[in-house]
Amino acid sequence: MLKRRDIALLLGAGGLAAIGPARAQQAYPSRSVQLIVPYAAGGPTDIFARAISAPLSGLWKQPVVVDNRPGGGTMIGAAAASQAAPDGYTLLLTAFGFVMNPLMMRDLTFDPKAMVPIAQIGVSIGVLYVRKDLPADNLQEFIAFAKKQRGGVSFGSSGVGSSTHTAAEMLASQAGFEMTHIPYRGSAPAITDLMAGNVDAVFDTAGTMGFVREGRLKVLASGRATRGPDMPDVPTFRESGVPMDSETWYGFLGPKGLPTALRDRIAEDVRAAVSDPATQEKLTRGGLEPRYSGPADFAAKLDSEREIWGRLVKERNLRLD
């Protein structure tokens, strides 16, 4: 029969066991956190990573180290993050390609659906730019022009399966014209060739509007659901007669097995970092839009994206391998 002293010892042990994880969580992080970005330095995802790493480092009192691992359609970096210990010290900051590229690949070394959604932190809006001498000043005139082109109107993009590629495929599907896809190694060379007149059109972010103001490009439509304050004179696709939006999301994910309490703690700290005025200014300057959503909403967003883009992949027979 247990004596009162034995019961007290057992209860004490149980209490310690119960508060142990909480204390461990409160101590997070006790060392630097690796933030894997599966894109090259200088792109939109990298801009997000470097803008948000500073306020997170301040909140956590530990360095947040951005680790660029481009290649393999973003799957090299994503696979590395998926194989890390689920302790919060290796996180993935990725974008649209995390959903899109697996839909176009036959073989994957890991299951992207098994990774833990933590938080969406923002978006970039897809904007349709055309060469300055193209005989179209609005979206309907562009569609009429595209339908007359033998072999299709030419679209430059930042690569096969990129948001700039798939937005063009979606527009061609919705509007009923043919297109020729010309992939580049990033948006910058695609825009350079667009200004040189070597391609007809490119989807890119609002950050390219400077070339429109200089008279080097035309802008025809924005992928927002409604007109935004940054581009009040640019009509949306919907008001121009094509029922589509064009947004690229950016967000944090963790390895499978990341504890729920730790996931929620990281998500809340990410929310605070995204809300930081200095961070928002940096992102807006880069043509990006801070937009936070927590774990549940971000998970639902990824499921919705897989359904939408899965249909387009089948319809347009898009492949990466």
C-alpha atoms as a PDB file:
ATOM      1  CA  MET A   1       0.000   0.000   0.000  1.00  0.00           C
ATOM      2  CA  LEU A   2       1.359   3.398  -0.997  1.00  0.00           C
ATOM      3  CA  LYS A   3       2.141   5.774   1.813  1.00  0.00           C
ATOM      4  CA  ARG A   4       1.321   9.475   1.663  1.00  0.00           C
ATOM      5  CA  ARG A   5       5.004  10.291   1.077  1.00  0.00           C
ATOM      6  CA  ASP A   6       5.156   7.849  -1.900  1.00  0.00           C
ATOM      7  CA  ILE A   7       2.049   9.395  -3.454  1.00  0.00           C
ATOM      8  CA  ALA A   8       3.546  12.868  -3.083  1.00  0.00           C
ATOM      9  CA  LEU A   9       6.736  11.707  -4.802  1.00  0.00           C
ATOM     10  CA  LEU A  10       4.751  10.159  -7.670  1.00  0.00           C
ATOM     11  CA  LEU A  11       2.657  13.292  -8.098  1.00  0.00           C
ATOM     12  CA  GLY A  12       5.812  15.357  -8.042  1.00  0.00           C
ATOM     13  CA  ALA A  13       7.383  13.229 -10.757  1.00  0.00           C
ATOM     14  CA  GLY A  14       4.217  13.501 -12.834  1.00  0.00           C
ATOM     15  CA  GLY A  15       4.159  17.262 -12.400  1.00  0.00           C
ATOM     16  CA  LEU A  16       7.771  17.529 -13.506  1.00  0.00           C
ATOM     17  CA  ALA A  17       7.004  15.386 -16.551  1.00  0.00           C
ATOM     18  CA  ALA A  18       4.074  17.627 -17.388  1.00  0.00           C
ATOM     19  CA  ILE A  19       5.962  20.913 -17.150  1.00  0.00           C
ATOM     20  CA  GLY A  20       9.147  19.589 -18.741  1.00  0.00           C
ATOM     21  CA  PRO A  21       8.011  20.098 -22.377  1.00  0.00           C
ATOM     22  CA  ALA A  22       6.576  23.508 -21.515  1.00  0.00           C
ATOM     23  CA  ARG A  23       9.904  24.622 -20.052  1.00  0.00           C
ATOM     24  CA  ALA A  24      11.730  23.212 -23.050  1.00  0.00           C
ATOM     25  CA  GLN A  25       9.411  25.125 -25.353  1.00  0.00           C
ATOM     26  CA  GLN A  26       9.880  28.347 -23.389  1.00  0.00           C
ATOM     27  CA  ALA A  27      13.626  27.960 -23.853  1.00  0.00           C
ATOM     28  CA  TYR A  28      13.291  27.753 -27.653  1.00  0.00           C
ATOM     29  CA  PRO A  29      15.452  28.681 -29.366  1.00  0.00           C
ATOM     30  CA  SER A  30      18.647  28.182 -27.394  1.00  0.00           C
ATOM     31  CA  ARG A  31      20.853  28.312 -30.505  1.00  0.00           C
ATOM     32  CA  SER A  32      20.748  29.572 -34.084  1.00  0.00           C
ATOM     33  CA  VAL A  33      17.845  28.615 -36.378  1.00  0.00           C
ATOM     34  CA  GLN A  34      18.493  27.555 -39.970  1.00  0.00           C
ATOM     35  CA  LEU A  35      16.012  28.946 -42.511  1.00  0.00           C
ATOM     36  CA  ILE A  36      16.275  26.976 -45.753  1.00  0.00           C
ATOM     37  CA  VAL A  37      15.225  28.897 -48.867  1.00  0.00           C
ATOM     38  CA  PRO A  38      15.013  26.645 -51.961  1.00  0.00           C
ATOM     39  CA  TYR A  39      15.649  29.568 -54.320  1.00  0.00           C
ATOM     40  CA  ALA A  40      18.714  31.560 -55.345  1.00  0.00           C
ATOM     41  CA  ALA A  41      19.663  34.744 -53.512  1.00  0.00           C
ATOM     42  CA  GLY A  42      18.061  37.944 -54.749  1.00  0.00           C
ATOM     43  CA  GLY A  43      14.644  36.592 -55.728  1.00  0.00           C
ATOM     44  CA  PRO A  44      11.306  37.335 -54.015  1.00  0.00           C
ATOM     45  CA  THR A  45      11.501  34.364 -51.616  1.00  0.00           C
ATOM     46  CA  ASP A  46      15.006  35.366 -50.590  1.00  0.00           C
ATOM     47  CA  ILE A  47      13.816  38.958 -50.048  1.00  0.00           C
ATOM     48  CA  PHE A  48      11.082  37.663 -47.740  1.00  0.00           C
ATOM     49  CA  ALA A  49      13.564  35.463 -45.886  1.00  0.00           C
ATOM     50  CA  ARG A  50      16.092  38.218 -45.265  1.00  0.00           C
ATOM     51  CA  ALA A  51      13.434  40.769 -44.345  1.00  0.00           C
ATOM     52  CA  ILE A  52      11.825  38.508 -41.753  1.00  0.00           C
ATOM     53  CA  SER A  53      15.011  36.926 -40.362  1.00  0.00           C
ATOM     54  CA  ALA A  54      16.040  40.192 -38.670  1.00  0.00           C
ATOM     55  CA  PRO A  55      12.916  40.670 -36.501  1.00  0.00           C
ATOM     56  CA  LEU A  56      12.829  36.925 -35.737  1.00  0.00           C
ATOM     57  CA  SER A  57      16.444  37.075 -34.570  1.00  0.00           C
ATOM     58  CA  GLY A  58      15.465  39.953 -32.323  1.00  0.00           C
ATOM     59  CA  LEU A  59      12.488  38.092 -30.871  1.00  0.00           C
ATOM     60  CA  TRP A  60      14.414  34.870 -30.336  1.00  0.00           C
ATOM     61  CA  LYS A  61      17.703  36.431 -29.233  1.00  0.00           C
ATOM     62  CA  GLN A  62      19.390  33.932 -31.537  1.00  0.00           C
ATOM     63  CA  PRO A  63      20.642  34.230 -35.140  1.00  0.00           C
ATOM     64  CA  VAL A  64      18.258  33.160 -37.913  1.00  0.00           C
ATOM     65  CA  VAL A  65      20.564  32.015 -40.711  1.00  0.00           C
ATOM     66  CA  VAL A  66      19.230  32.099 -44.283  1.00  0.00           C
ATOM     67  CA  ASP A  67      20.484  29.055 -46.205  1.00  0.00           C
ATOM     68  CA  ASN A  68      19.842  29.302 -49.974  1.00  0.00           C
ATOM     69  CA  ARG A  69      19.578  25.877 -51.610  1.00  0.00           C
ATOM     70  CA  PRO A  70      18.258  26.345 -55.148  1.00  0.00           C
ATOM     71  CA  GLY A  71      17.826  23.607 -57.731  1.00  0.00           C
ATOM     72  CA  GLY A  72      15.639  20.649 -58.540  1.00  0.00           C
ATOM     73  CA  GLY A  73      12.532  22.782 -58.941  1.00  0.00           C
ATOM     74  CA  THR A  74      12.808  23.851 -55.261  1.00  0.00           C
ATOM     75  CA  MET A  75      12.787  20.184 -54.223  1.00  0.00           C
ATOM     76  CA  ILE A  76      16.473  20.041 -53.161  1.00  0.00           C
ATOM     77  CA  GLY A  77      15.976  22.583 -50.398  1.00  0.00           C
ATOM     78  CA  ALA A  78      12.538  21.272 -49.469  1.00  0.00           C
ATOM     79  CA  ALA A  79      13.848  17.700 -49.165  1.00  0.00           C
ATOM     80  CA  ALA A  80      16.695  18.870 -46.913  1.00  0.00           C
ATOM     81  CA  ALA A  81      14.215  20.624 -44.619  1.00  0.00           C
ATOM     82  CA  SER A  82      11.916  17.597 -44.557  1.00  0.00           C
ATOM     83  CA  GLN A  83      14.777  15.359 -43.359  1.00  0.00           C
ATOM     84  CA  ALA A  84      15.802  17.641 -40.496  1.00  0.00           C
ATOM     85  CA  ALA A  85      15.004  16.921 -36.869  1.00  0.00           C
ATOM     86  CA  PRO A  86      11.504  18.210 -35.968  1.00  0.00           C
ATOM     87  CA  ASP A  87      12.828  20.469 -33.216  1.00  0.00           C
ATOM     88  CA  GLY A  88      12.259  23.890 -34.770  1.00  0.00           C
ATOM     89  CA  TYR A  89      15.928  24.525 -35.532  1.00  0.00           C
ATOM     90  CA  THR A  90      15.526  23.886 -39.276  1.00  0.00           C
ATOM     91  CA  LEU A  91      12.620  25.575 -41.036  1.00  0.00           C
ATOM     92  CA  LEU A  92      11.663  25.977 -44.692  1.00  0.00           C
ATOM     93  CA  LEU A  93      10.640  29.301 -46.209  1.00  0.00           C
ATOM     94  CA  THR A  94       9.251  28.516 -49.621  1.00  0.00           C
ATOM     95  CA  ALA A  95       6.721  29.624 -52.205  1.00  0.00           C
ATOM     96  CA  PHE A  96       4.375  28.504 -54.951  1.00  0.00           C
ATOM     97  CA  GLY A  97       6.817  25.958 -56.430  1.00  0.00           C
ATOM     98  CA  PHE A  98       6.490  23.815 -53.297  1.00  0.00           C
ATOM     99  CA  VAL A  99       2.950  22.926 -54.422  1.00  0.00           C
ATOM    100  CA  MET A 100       3.294  23.231 -58.186  1.00  0.00           C
ATOM    101  CA  ASN A 101       6.509  21.367 -58.938  1.00  0.00           C
ATOM    102  CA  PRO A 102       5.592  18.046 -57.277  1.00  0.00           C
ATOM    103  CA  LEU A 103       2.452  17.999 -59.455  1.00  0.00           C
ATOM    104  CA  MET A 104       4.699  18.007 -62.520  1.00  0.00           C
ATOM    105  CA  MET A 105       7.278  15.459 -61.283  1.00  0.00           C
ATOM    106  CA  ARG A 106       7.134  11.690 -61.511  1.00  0.00           C
ATOM    107  CA  ASP A 107       9.632  10.889 -58.760  1.00  0.00           C
ATOM    108  CA  LEU A 108      10.050  12.658 -55.428  1.00  0.00           C
ATOM    109  CA  THR A 109      12.443  11.804 -52.620  1.00  0.00           C
ATOM    110  CA  PHE A 110       9.963  12.944 -49.960  1.00  0.00           C
ATOM    111  CA  ASP A 111       6.264  13.678 -49.488  1.00  0.00           C
ATOM    112  CA  PRO A 112       5.602  17.455 -49.456  1.00  0.00           C
ATOM    113  CA  LYS A 113       2.141  16.812 -47.959  1.00  0.00           C
ATOM    114  CA  ALA A 114       3.812  15.337 -44.869  1.00  0.00           C
ATOM    115  CA  MET A 115       5.535  18.609 -44.000  1.00  0.00           C
ATOM    116  CA  VAL A 116       3.939  20.789 -41.338  1.00  0.00           C
ATOM    117  CA  PRO A 117       2.431  24.122 -42.489  1.00  0.00           C
ATOM    118  CA  ILE A 118       3.356  26.842 -39.983  1.00  0.00           C
ATOM    119  CA  ALA A 119       2.360  30.204 -41.449  1.00  0.00           C
ATOM    120  CA  GLN A 120       1.821  32.097 -44.668  1.00  0.00           C
ATOM    121  CA  ILE A 121       3.675  35.400 -44.502  1.00  0.00           C
ATOM    122  CA  GLY A 122       2.788  37.177 -47.720  1.00  0.00           C
ATOM    123  CA  VAL A 123       2.079  37.212 -51.431  1.00  0.00           C
ATOM    124  CA  SER A 124       3.263  38.753 -54.644  1.00  0.00           C
ATOM    125  CA  ILE A 125       0.715  39.762 -57.255  1.00  0.00           C
ATOM    126  CA  GLY A 126       1.131  38.533 -60.813  1.00  0.00           C
ATOM    127  CA  VAL A 127       1.004  41.429 -63.293  1.00  0.00           C
ATOM    128  CA  LEU A 128       0.838  41.023 -67.068  1.00  0.00           C
ATOM    129  CA  TYR A 129       3.462  43.092 -68.900  1.00  0.00           C
ATOM    130  CA  VAL A 130       3.888  43.231 -72.695  1.00  0.00           C
ATOM    131  CA  ARG A 131       6.506  44.713 -75.004  1.00  0.00           C
ATOM    132  CA  LYS A 132       5.959  48.412 -75.612  1.00  0.00           C
ATOM    133  CA  ASP A 133       5.299  48.035 -79.371  1.00  0.00           C
ATOM    134  CA  LEU A 134       2.777  45.201 -79.073  1.00  0.00           C
ATOM    135  CA  PRO A 135      -0.484  46.354 -80.745  1.00  0.00           C
ATOM    136  CA  ALA A 136      -2.672  46.009 -77.629  1.00  0.00           C
ATOM    137  CA  ASP A 137      -3.483  48.504 -74.900  1.00  0.00           C
ATOM    138  CA  ASN A 138      -5.797  46.326 -72.817  1.00  0.00           C
ATOM    139  CA  LEU A 139      -6.334  42.647 -72.040  1.00  0.00           C
ATOM    140  CA  GLN A 140      -9.070  42.024 -74.613  1.00  0.00           C
ATOM    141  CA  GLU A 141      -6.937  43.543 -77.373  1.00  0.00           C
ATOM    142  CA  PHE A 142      -4.048  41.336 -76.248  1.00  0.00           C
ATOM    143  CA  ILE A 143      -6.248  38.225 -76.393  1.00  0.00           C
ATOM    144  CA  ALA A 144      -7.417  39.163 -79.898  1.00  0.00           C
ATOM    145  CA  PHE A 145      -3.776  39.643 -80.930  1.00  0.00           C
ATOM    146  CA  ALA A 146      -2.756  36.317 -79.357  1.00  0.00           C
ATOM    147  CA  LYS A 147      -5.475  34.389 -81.206  1.00  0.00           C
ATOM    148  CA  LYS A 148      -4.104  35.608 -84.542  1.00  0.00           C
ATOM    149  CA  GLN A 149      -0.535  34.418 -83.907  1.00  0.00           C
ATOM    150  CA  ARG A 150       0.495  31.228 -85.653  1.00  0.00           C
ATOM    151  CA  GLY A 151       2.210  29.049 -83.044  1.00  0.00           C
ATOM    152  CA  GLY A 152       0.931  31.231 -80.253  1.00  0.00           C
ATOM    153  CA  VAL A 153       1.946  34.415 -78.520  1.00  0.00           C
ATOM    154  CA  SER A 154       5.317  34.138 -76.736  1.00  0.00           C
ATOM    155  CA  PHE A 155       5.552  34.301 -72.943  1.00  0.00           C
ATOM    156  CA  GLY A 156       8.840  34.578 -71.098  1.00  0.00           C
ATOM    157  CA  SER A 157       9.026  33.211 -67.560  1.00  0.00           C
ATOM    158  CA  SER A 158      11.418  32.635 -64.687  1.00  0.00           C
ATOM    159  CA  GLY A 159      11.414  28.885 -65.422  1.00  0.00           C
ATOM    160  CA  VAL A 160       9.268  25.842 -66.115  1.00  0.00           C
ATOM    161  CA  GLY A 161       6.621  25.468 -63.411  1.00  0.00           C
ATOM    162  CA  SER A 162       7.266  28.914 -61.934  1.00  0.00           C
ATOM    163  CA  SER A 163       4.339  31.137 -61.021  1.00  0.00           C
ATOM    164  CA  THR A 164       5.211  33.339 -63.999  1.00  0.00           C
ATOM    165  CA  HIS A 165       4.912  30.306 -66.284  1.00  0.00           C
ATOM    166  CA  THR A 166       1.735  28.843 -64.808  1.00  0.00           C
ATOM    167  CA  ALA A 167      -0.029  32.233 -64.743  1.00  0.00           C
ATOM    168  CA  ALA A 168       0.561  32.437 -68.502  1.00  0.00           C
ATOM    169  CA  GLU A 169      -0.762  28.899 -68.962  1.00  0.00           C
ATOM    170  CA  MET A 170      -3.838  29.764 -66.893  1.00  0.00           C
ATOM    171  CA  LEU A 171      -4.517  32.893 -68.956  1.00  0.00           C
ATOM    172  CA  ALA A 172      -4.129  30.968 -72.228  1.00  0.00           C
ATOM    173  CA  SER A 173      -6.521  28.301 -70.924  1.00  0.00           C
ATOM    174  CA  GLN A 174      -9.128  30.791 -69.692  1.00  0.00           C
ATOM    175  CA  ALA A 175      -8.977  33.045 -72.775  1.00  0.00           C
ATOM    176  CA  GLY A 176      -8.641  30.286 -75.372  1.00  0.00           C
ATOM    177  CA  PHE A 177      -5.421  31.142 -77.198  1.00  0.00           C
ATOM    178  CA  GLU A 178      -2.191  29.294 -77.918  1.00  0.00           C
ATOM    179  CA  MET A 179       1.117  30.281 -76.354  1.00  0.00           C
ATOM    180  CA  THR A 180       4.806  29.534 -76.774  1.00  0.00           C
ATOM    181  CA  HIS A 181       6.623  29.298 -73.462  1.00  0.00           C
ATOM    182  CA  ILE A 182      10.200  30.607 -73.268  1.00  0.00           C
ATOM    183  CA  PRO A 183      11.777  29.844 -69.875  1.00  0.00           C
ATOM    184  CA  TYR A 184      14.659  31.895 -68.475  1.00  0.00           C
ATOM    185  CA  ARG A 185      16.860  31.515 -65.409  1.00  0.00           C
ATOM    186  CA  GLY A 186      14.918  34.009 -63.370  1.00  0.00           C
ATOM    187  CA  SER A 187      12.561  36.922 -63.957  1.00  0.00           C
ATOM    188  CA  ALA A 188      15.287  39.525 -64.600  1.00  0.00           C
ATOM    189  CA  PRO A 189      16.522  38.058 -67.928  1.00  0.00           C
ATOM    190  CA  ALA A 190      12.912  37.473 -69.021  1.00  0.00           C
ATOM    191  CA  ILE A 191      12.066  41.144 -68.421  1.00  0.00           C
ATOM    192  CA  THR A 192      15.277  42.210 -70.184  1.00  0.00           C
ATOM    193  CA  ASP A 193      14.272  40.232 -73.281  1.00  0.00           C
ATOM    194  CA  LEU A 194      10.728  41.622 -73.050  1.00  0.00           C
ATOM    195  CA  MET A 195      12.099  45.182 -73.148  1.00  0.00           C
ATOM    196  CA  ALA A 196      14.261  44.169 -76.104  1.00  0.00           C
ATOM    197  CA  GLY A 197      11.159  42.923 -77.929  1.00  0.00           C
ATOM    198  CA  ASN A 198      12.311  39.299 -78.066  1.00  0.00           C
ATOM    199  CA  VAL A 199       9.163  37.977 -76.328  1.00  0.00           C
ATOM    200  CA  ASP A 200       5.625  39.299 -76.347  1.00  0.00           C
ATOM    201  CA  ALA A 201       4.627  39.088 -72.692  1.00  0.00           C
ATOM    202  CA  VAL A 202       5.819  38.247 -69.172  1.00  0.00           C
ATOM    203  CA  PHE A 203       4.061  37.879 -65.843  1.00  0.00           C
ATOM    204  CA  ASP A 204       6.022  39.535 -63.048  1.00  0.00           C
ATOM    205  CA  THR A 205       5.517  41.377 -59.752  1.00  0.00           C
ATOM    206  CA  ALA A 206       4.458  44.970 -59.153  1.00  0.00           C
ATOM    207  CA  GLY A 207       8.150  45.768 -58.730  1.00  0.00           C
ATOM    208  CA  THR A 208       8.463  45.878 -62.547  1.00  0.00           C
ATOM    209  CA  MET A 209       6.048  48.834 -62.817  1.00  0.00           C
ATOM    210  CA  GLY A 210       9.060  51.176 -62.874  1.00  0.00           C
ATOM    211  CA  PHE A 211       9.772  50.119 -66.474  1.00  0.00           C
ATOM    212  CA  VAL A 212       6.169  50.972 -67.391  1.00  0.00           C
ATOM    213  CA  ARG A 213       6.591  54.474 -65.961  1.00  0.00           C
ATOM    214  CA  GLU A 214       9.784  54.819 -68.009  1.00  0.00           C
ATOM    215  CA  GLY A 215       7.867  53.891 -71.178  1.00  0.00           C
ATOM    216  CA  ARG A 216       9.859  50.685 -71.735  1.00  0.00           C
ATOM    217  CA  LEU A 217       6.928  48.278 -71.189  1.00  0.00           C
ATOM    218  CA  LYS A 218       3.129  48.244 -71.171  1.00  0.00           C
ATOM    219  CA  VAL A 219       1.024  46.849 -68.324  1.00  0.00           C
ATOM    220  CA  LEU A 220      -2.336  45.273 -69.136  1.00  0.00           C
ATOM    221  CA  ALA A 221      -3.761  43.607 -66.021  1.00  0.00           C
ATOM    222  CA  SER A 222      -3.173  42.813 -62.362  1.00  0.00           C
ATOM    223  CA  GLY A 223      -3.845  39.483 -60.672  1.00  0.00           C
ATOM    224  CA  ARG A 224      -5.543  41.050 -57.631  1.00  0.00           C
ATOM    225  CA  ALA A 225      -9.182  40.271 -56.887  1.00  0.00           C
ATOM    226  CA  THR A 226      -9.754  44.048 -56.765  1.00  0.00           C
ATOM    227  CA  ARG A 227      -7.569  47.002 -57.716  1.00  0.00           C
ATOM    228  CA  GLY A 228      -4.892  47.810 -55.172  1.00  0.00           C
ATOM    229  CA  PRO A 229      -3.632  51.166 -53.909  1.00  0.00           C
ATOM    230  CA  ASP A 230      -0.203  50.500 -55.431  1.00  0.00           C
ATOM    231  CA  MET A 231      -1.660  50.147 -58.956  1.00  0.00           C
ATOM    232  CA  PRO A 232      -4.987  52.030 -58.941  1.00  0.00           C
ATOM    233  CA  ASP A 233      -4.978  52.556 -62.723  1.00  0.00           C
ATOM    234  CA  VAL A 234      -4.275  48.914 -63.628  1.00  0.00           C
ATOM    235  CA  PRO A 235      -7.451  46.828 -64.173  1.00  0.00           C
ATOM    236  CA  THR A 236      -7.739  43.310 -62.785  1.00  0.00           C
ATOM    237  CA  PHE A 237      -8.136  40.253 -64.986  1.00  0.00           C
ATOM    238  CA  ARG A 238     -11.665  39.804 -63.694  1.00  0.00           C
ATOM    239  CA  GLU A 239     -12.828  43.294 -64.598  1.00  0.00           C
ATOM    240  CA  SER A 240     -11.108  42.816 -67.971  1.00  0.00           C
ATOM    241  CA  GLY A 241     -13.279  39.781 -68.727  1.00  0.00           C
ATOM    242  CA  VAL A 242     -11.056  36.850 -67.659  1.00  0.00           C
ATOM    243  CA  PRO A 243     -12.108  35.072 -64.409  1.00  0.00           C
ATOM    244  CA  MET A 244      -8.690  34.491 -62.862  1.00  0.00           C
ATOM    245  CA  ASP A 245      -6.460  35.833 -60.100  1.00  0.00           C
ATOM    246  CA  SER A 246      -2.678  35.611 -60.000  1.00  0.00           C
ATOM    247  CA  GLU A 247      -0.943  35.501 -56.627  1.00  0.00           C
ATOM    248  CA  THR A 248       2.172  33.745 -55.406  1.00  0.00           C
ATOM    249  CA  TRP A 249       2.166  32.808 -51.711  1.00  0.00           C
ATOM    250  CA  TYR A 250       5.208  32.604 -49.405  1.00  0.00           C
ATOM    251  CA  GLY A 251       5.256  30.671 -46.169  1.00  0.00           C
ATOM    252  CA  PHE A 252       7.000  28.690 -43.428  1.00  0.00           C
ATOM    253  CA  LEU A 253       6.873  24.899 -43.115  1.00  0.00           C
ATOM    254  CA  GLY A 254       8.587  22.457 -40.770  1.00  0.00           C
ATOM    255  CA  PRO A 255       9.599  18.790 -40.801  1.00  0.00           C
ATOM    256  CA  LYS A 256       7.043  16.086 -40.127  1.00  0.00           C
ATOM    257  CA  GLY A 257       6.721  15.498 -36.392  1.00  0.00           C
ATOM    258  CA  LEU A 258       7.133  19.137 -35.361  1.00  0.00           C
ATOM    259  CA  PRO A 259       5.190  19.331 -32.059  1.00  0.00           C
ATOM    260  CA  THR A 260       1.941  21.277 -32.291  1.00  0.00           C
ATOM    261  CA  ALA A 261       2.812  23.536 -29.361  1.00  0.00           C
ATOM    262  CA  LEU A 262       6.160  24.438 -30.929  1.00  0.00           C
ATOM    263  CA  ARG A 263       4.538  24.976 -34.334  1.00  0.00           C
ATOM    264  CA  ASP A 264       2.064  27.403 -32.763  1.00  0.00           C
ATOM    265  CA  ARG A 265       4.823  29.216 -30.884  1.00  0.00           C
ATOM    266  CA  ILE A 266       6.824  29.695 -34.094  1.00  0.00           C
ATOM    267  CA  ALA A 267       3.702  30.773 -35.990  1.00  0.00           C
ATOM    268  CA  GLU A 268       2.913  33.436 -33.390  1.00  0.00           C
ATOM    269  CA  ASP A 269       6.467  34.784 -33.491  1.00  0.00           C
ATOM    270  CA  VAL A 270       6.352  34.827 -37.302  1.00  0.00           C
ATOM    271  CA  ARG A 271       3.112  36.818 -37.092  1.00  0.00           C
ATOM    272  CA  ALA A 272       4.842  39.377 -34.876  1.00  0.00           C
ATOM    273  CA  ALA A 273       7.803  39.580 -37.271  1.00  0.00           C
ATOM    274  CA  VAL A 274       5.538  40.093 -40.300  1.00  0.00           C
ATOM    275  CA  SER A 275       3.711  42.859 -38.416  1.00  0.00           C
ATOM    276  CA  ASP A 276       6.956  44.760 -37.808  1.00  0.00           C
ATOM    277  CA  PRO A 277       6.716  48.126 -39.688  1.00  0.00           C
ATOM    278  CA  ALA A 278      10.340  47.983 -40.839  1.00  0.00           C
ATOM    279  CA  THR A 279       9.776  44.494 -42.264  1.00  0.00           C
ATOM    280  CA  GLN A 280       6.624  45.592 -44.073  1.00  0.00           C
ATOM    281  CA  GLU A 281       8.434  48.556 -45.607  1.00  0.00           C
ATOM    282  CA  LYS A 282      11.230  46.319 -46.927  1.00  0.00           C
ATOM    283  CA  LEU A 283       8.747  43.910 -48.491  1.00  0.00           C
ATOM    284  CA  THR A 284       6.568  46.588 -50.051  1.00  0.00           C
ATOM    285  CA  ARG A 285       9.672  48.213 -51.543  1.00  0.00           C
ATOM    286  CA  GLY A 286      10.438  44.870 -53.227  1.00  0.00           C
ATOM    287  CA  GLY A 287       6.956  44.614 -54.774  1.00  0.00           C
ATOM    288  CA  LEU A 288       5.805  42.097 -52.141  1.00  0.00           C
ATOM    289  CA  GLU A 289       2.772  42.210 -49.860  1.00  0.00           C
ATOM    290  CA  PRO A 290       2.837  41.038 -46.216  1.00  0.00           C
ATOM    291  CA  ARG A 291      -0.192  38.821 -45.545  1.00  0.00           C
ATOM    292  CA  TYR A 292      -0.207  36.515 -42.526  1.00  0.00           C
ATOM    293  CA  SER A 293      -2.304  33.407 -41.909  1.00  0.00           C
ATOM    294  CA  GLY A 294      -1.806  30.775 -39.212  1.00  0.00           C
ATOM    295  CA  PRO A 295      -1.277  27.008 -39.415  1.00  0.00           C
ATOM    296  CA  ALA A 296      -4.871  25.907 -40.107  1.00  0.00           C
ATOM    297  CA  ASP A 297      -5.596  28.529 -42.765  1.00  0.00           C
ATOM    298  CA  PHE A 298      -2.211  27.994 -44.407  1.00  0.00           C
ATOM    299  CA  ALA A 299      -2.787  24.213 -44.542  1.00  0.00           C
ATOM    300  CA  ALA A 300      -6.196  24.800 -46.177  1.00  0.00           C
ATOM    301  CA  LYS A 301      -4.544  27.172 -48.655  1.00  0.00           C
ATOM    302  CA  LEU A 302      -2.017  24.510 -49.702  1.00  0.00           C
ATOM    303  CA  ASP A 303      -4.786  21.930 -50.196  1.00  0.00           C
ATOM    304  CA  SER A 304      -6.754  24.373 -52.345  1.00  0.00           C
ATOM    305  CA  GLU A 305      -3.677  25.229 -54.406  1.00  0.00           C
ATOM    306  CA  ARG A 306      -2.964  21.547 -55.094  1.00  0.00           C
ATOM    307  CA  GLU A 307      -6.501  21.077 -56.400  1.00  0.00           C
ATOM    308  CA  ILE A 308      -6.515  24.182 -58.617  1.00  0.00           C
ATOM    309  CA  TRP A 309      -3.091  23.685 -60.154  1.00  0.00           C
ATOM    310  CA  GLY A 310      -3.465  19.915 -60.389  1.00  0.00           C
ATOM    311  CA  ARG A 311      -6.307  20.473 -62.856  1.00  0.00           C
ATOM    312  CA  LEU A 312      -4.189  22.866 -64.933  1.00  0.00           C
ATOM    313  CA  VAL A 313      -1.228  20.458 -64.996  1.00  0.00           C
ATOM    314  CA  LYS A 314      -3.449  17.734 -66.468  1.00  0.00           C
ATOM    315  CA  GLU A 315      -5.186  20.048 -68.913  1.00  0.00           C
ATOM    316  CA  ARG A 316      -1.988  21.618 -70.262  1.00  0.00           C
ATOM    317  CA  ASN A 317       0.162  18.473 -69.854  1.00  0.00           C
ATOM    318  CA  LEU A 318       2.826  20.323 -67.875  1.00  0.00           C
ATOM    319  CA  ARG A 319       5.885  18.264 -66.939  1.00  0.00           C
ATOM    320  CA  LEU A 320       9.205  18.926 -65.232  1.00  0.00           C
ATOM    321  CA  ASP A 321      10.749  15.497 -65.907  1.00  0.00           C
END
